[in-house]
Protein backbone atom coordinates (compact mmCIF):
# COMPACT_ATOMS: atom_id res chain seq x y z
CA UNK A 1 9.38 -9.53 -0.18
CA UNK A 2 10.64 -5.84 -0.33
CA UNK A 3 8.13 -3.36 0.35
CA UNK A 4 8.08 0.33 0.08
CA UNK A 5 6.48 2.17 2.96
CA UNK A 6 5.58 5.74 3.17
CA UNK A 7 4.09 7.93 5.64
CA UNK A 8 3.56 11.69 5.87
CA UNK A 9 3.77 11.95 9.76
CA UNK A 10 4.81 9.89 12.47
CA UNK A 11 1.50 9.42 14.16
CA UNK A 12 -0.85 6.39 14.54
CA UNK A 13 0.59 3.07 13.07
CA UNK A 14 3.16 4.81 10.75
CA UNK A 15 6.10 3.24 12.48
CA UNK A 16 4.18 0.12 13.61
CA UNK A 17 3.71 -0.73 9.88
CA UNK A 18 7.45 -0.94 9.32
CA UNK A 19 7.80 -3.22 12.52
CA UNK A 20 4.98 -5.41 11.57
CA UNK A 21 6.39 -5.85 8.06
CA UNK A 22 9.89 -6.88 9.57
CA UNK A 23 8.41 -9.20 12.11
CA UNK A 24 6.53 -11.04 8.88
CA UNK A 25 10.06 -11.38 7.47
CA UNK A 26 9.73 -8.45 4.81
CA UNK A 27 12.21 -5.99 3.88
CA UNK A 28 10.46 -2.48 4.34
CA UNK A 29 12.10 0.39 2.51
CA UNK A 30 10.94 3.51 4.14
CA UNK A 31 9.91 6.92 2.49
CA UNK A 32 8.50 10.26 3.77
CA UNK A 33 8.29 11.08 7.41
CA UNK A 34 9.96 7.40 8.02
CA UNK A 35 12.95 8.48 6.26
CA UNK A 36 14.91 11.77 7.34
CA UNK A 37 16.32 12.39 4.03
CA UNK A 38 12.84 12.46 2.13
CA UNK A 39 9.96 14.92 1.59
CA UNK A 40 7.21 13.91 4.19
CA UNK A 41 4.46 15.33 2.47
CA UNK A 42 1.78 12.63 1.30
CA UNK A 43 1.74 13.24 -2.34
CA UNK A 44 5.34 13.00 -2.43
CA UNK A 45 6.02 10.23 -0.11
CA UNK A 46 3.17 8.01 -1.72
CA UNK A 47 4.58 8.90 -5.14
CA UNK A 48 8.04 7.80 -4.14
CA UNK A 49 6.75 4.55 -2.68
CA UNK A 50 4.56 3.85 -5.71
CA UNK A 51 7.38 4.49 -8.21
CA UNK A 52 9.37 1.89 -6.37
CA UNK A 53 6.76 -0.66 -7.20
CA UNK A 54 6.23 0.24 -10.85
CA UNK A 55 10.05 0.33 -11.19
CA UNK A 56 10.32 -3.01 -9.93
CA UNK A 57 12.38 -1.71 -6.79
CA UNK A 58 9.76 -3.02 -4.39
CA UNK A 59 7.20 -5.82 -4.85
CA UNK A 60 4.48 -3.93 -2.94
CA UNK A 61 4.11 -0.87 -1.09
CA UNK A 62 2.17 0.60 1.99
CA UNK A 63 1.37 4.29 1.78
CA UNK A 64 -0.24 6.15 4.79
CA UNK A 65 -1.74 9.55 5.41
CA UNK A 66 -4.25 10.97 7.92
CA UNK A 67 -7.26 9.48 5.92
CA UNK A 68 -5.41 7.30 3.50
CA UNK A 69 -7.24 8.96 0.74
CA UNK A 70 -4.34 11.13 -0.60
CA UNK A 71 -2.03 8.54 -0.39
CA UNK A 72 -4.10 6.44 -2.45
CA UNK A 73 -4.76 9.06 -5.01
CA UNK A 74 -1.06 9.87 -5.24
CA UNK A 75 -0.23 6.17 -5.55
CA UNK A 76 -2.72 5.52 -8.18
CA UNK A 77 -1.45 8.21 -10.50
CA UNK A 78 1.81 6.13 -11.28
CA UNK A 79 1.37 3.97 -14.11
CA UNK A 80 1.17 0.33 -13.25
CA UNK A 81 0.14 0.96 -9.60
CA UNK A 82 -3.06 -0.18 -8.13
CA UNK A 83 -3.60 1.14 -4.87
CA UNK A 84 -6.39 0.20 -2.48
CA UNK A 85 -7.29 2.14 0.58
CA UNK A 86 -8.23 -0.70 3.00
CA UNK A 87 -9.95 -0.14 6.47
CA UNK A 88 -10.52 -3.73 7.48
CA UNK A 89 -9.31 -7.07 6.62
CA UNK A 90 -12.03 -8.12 4.11
CA UNK A 91 -11.21 -5.06 1.93
CA UNK A 92 -7.58 -6.00 1.98
CA UNK A 93 -8.32 -9.58 1.07
CA UNK A 94 -10.60 -8.39 -1.98
CA UNK A 95 -8.34 -5.79 -3.02
CA UNK A 96 -5.67 -8.33 -3.74
CA UNK A 97 -7.97 -10.99 -4.84
CA UNK A 98 -10.17 -9.08 -7.44
CA UNK A 99 -8.21 -5.91 -8.11
CA UNK A 100 -4.58 -7.54 -7.89
CA UNK A 101 -3.72 -4.48 -5.80
CA UNK A 102 0.00 -3.83 -5.48
CA UNK A 103 -0.28 -0.78 -3.00
CA UNK A 104 -2.07 -0.82 0.28
CA UNK A 105 -3.19 2.43 1.64
CA UNK A 106 -3.93 3.04 5.10
CA UNK A 107 -5.57 5.78 7.27
CA UNK A 108 -3.13 6.98 10.17
CA UNK A 109 -6.45 8.24 11.97
CA UNK A 110 -8.44 5.07 11.82
CA UNK A 111 -6.10 2.30 11.77
CA UNK A 112 -5.22 0.70 15.37
CA UNK A 113 -2.46 -1.60 15.86
CA UNK A 114 -4.84 -4.61 16.22
CA UNK A 115 -6.71 -3.57 13.16
CA UNK A 116 -3.40 -3.12 11.26
CA UNK A 117 -2.40 -6.63 12.08
CA UNK A 118 -5.89 -8.02 10.47
CA UNK A 119 -5.42 -5.80 7.57
CA UNK A 120 -2.13 -7.09 6.80
CA UNK A 121 -3.19 -10.86 7.44
CA UNK A 122 -5.87 -10.26 5.08
CA UNK A 123 -3.59 -8.60 2.43
CA UNK A 124 -0.93 -11.19 2.51
CA UNK A 125 -3.11 -14.20 2.80
CA UNK A 126 -4.84 -13.30 -0.68
CA UNK A 127 -3.36 -13.78 -4.05
CA UNK A 128 -4.67 -12.15 -7.24
CA UNK A 129 -7.45 -14.07 -8.76
CA UNK A 130 -7.05 -16.20 -12.07
CA UNK A 131 -10.77 -16.13 -12.85
CA UNK A 132 -10.96 -14.73 -16.55
CA UNK A 133 -13.25 -12.14 -15.65
CA UNK A 134 -11.26 -10.61 -12.64
CA UNK A 135 -7.98 -10.86 -15.20
CA UNK A 136 -10.13 -8.78 -17.85
CA UNK A 137 -11.11 -6.26 -15.36
CA UNK A 138 -7.36 -5.80 -14.51
CA UNK A 139 -6.16 -5.55 -17.98
CA UNK A 140 -8.69 -3.03 -18.59
CA UNK A 141 -7.90 -0.62 -15.70
CA UNK A 142 -4.36 -0.96 -17.01
CA UNK A 143 -5.37 0.40 -20.42
CA UNK A 144 -7.13 3.27 -18.89
CA UNK A 145 -5.58 6.32 -19.84
């Protein structure tokens, strides 16, 4: 899977995310501080990764900043993106299952390497629900202007 990855600084698990995705057989495309040709600020880096998903250049994205909040807010401004700030594996599983999240937002401050592994395990182990009620929620979210 092609996955856009953005971070606003090279601290915490920023570079580990890329390594972990490669270990899992994914093709990470890096943005922000991970790419010397990009602007590193969280709003720009997260937007670039989210647009890659919305434009079909990436299947999913992982966006990171100090708290993960700014990265998720910026990503969610891109139409077609459903970014979820996840601090544990269960939240990541639920975000994929019930919210059909296509962008994972992470805190560089809170996410340790072992926790990152668990979050990615949960994220990739889950698929979007086909329950009509869950699908109705996703459809409605997509229609909100």
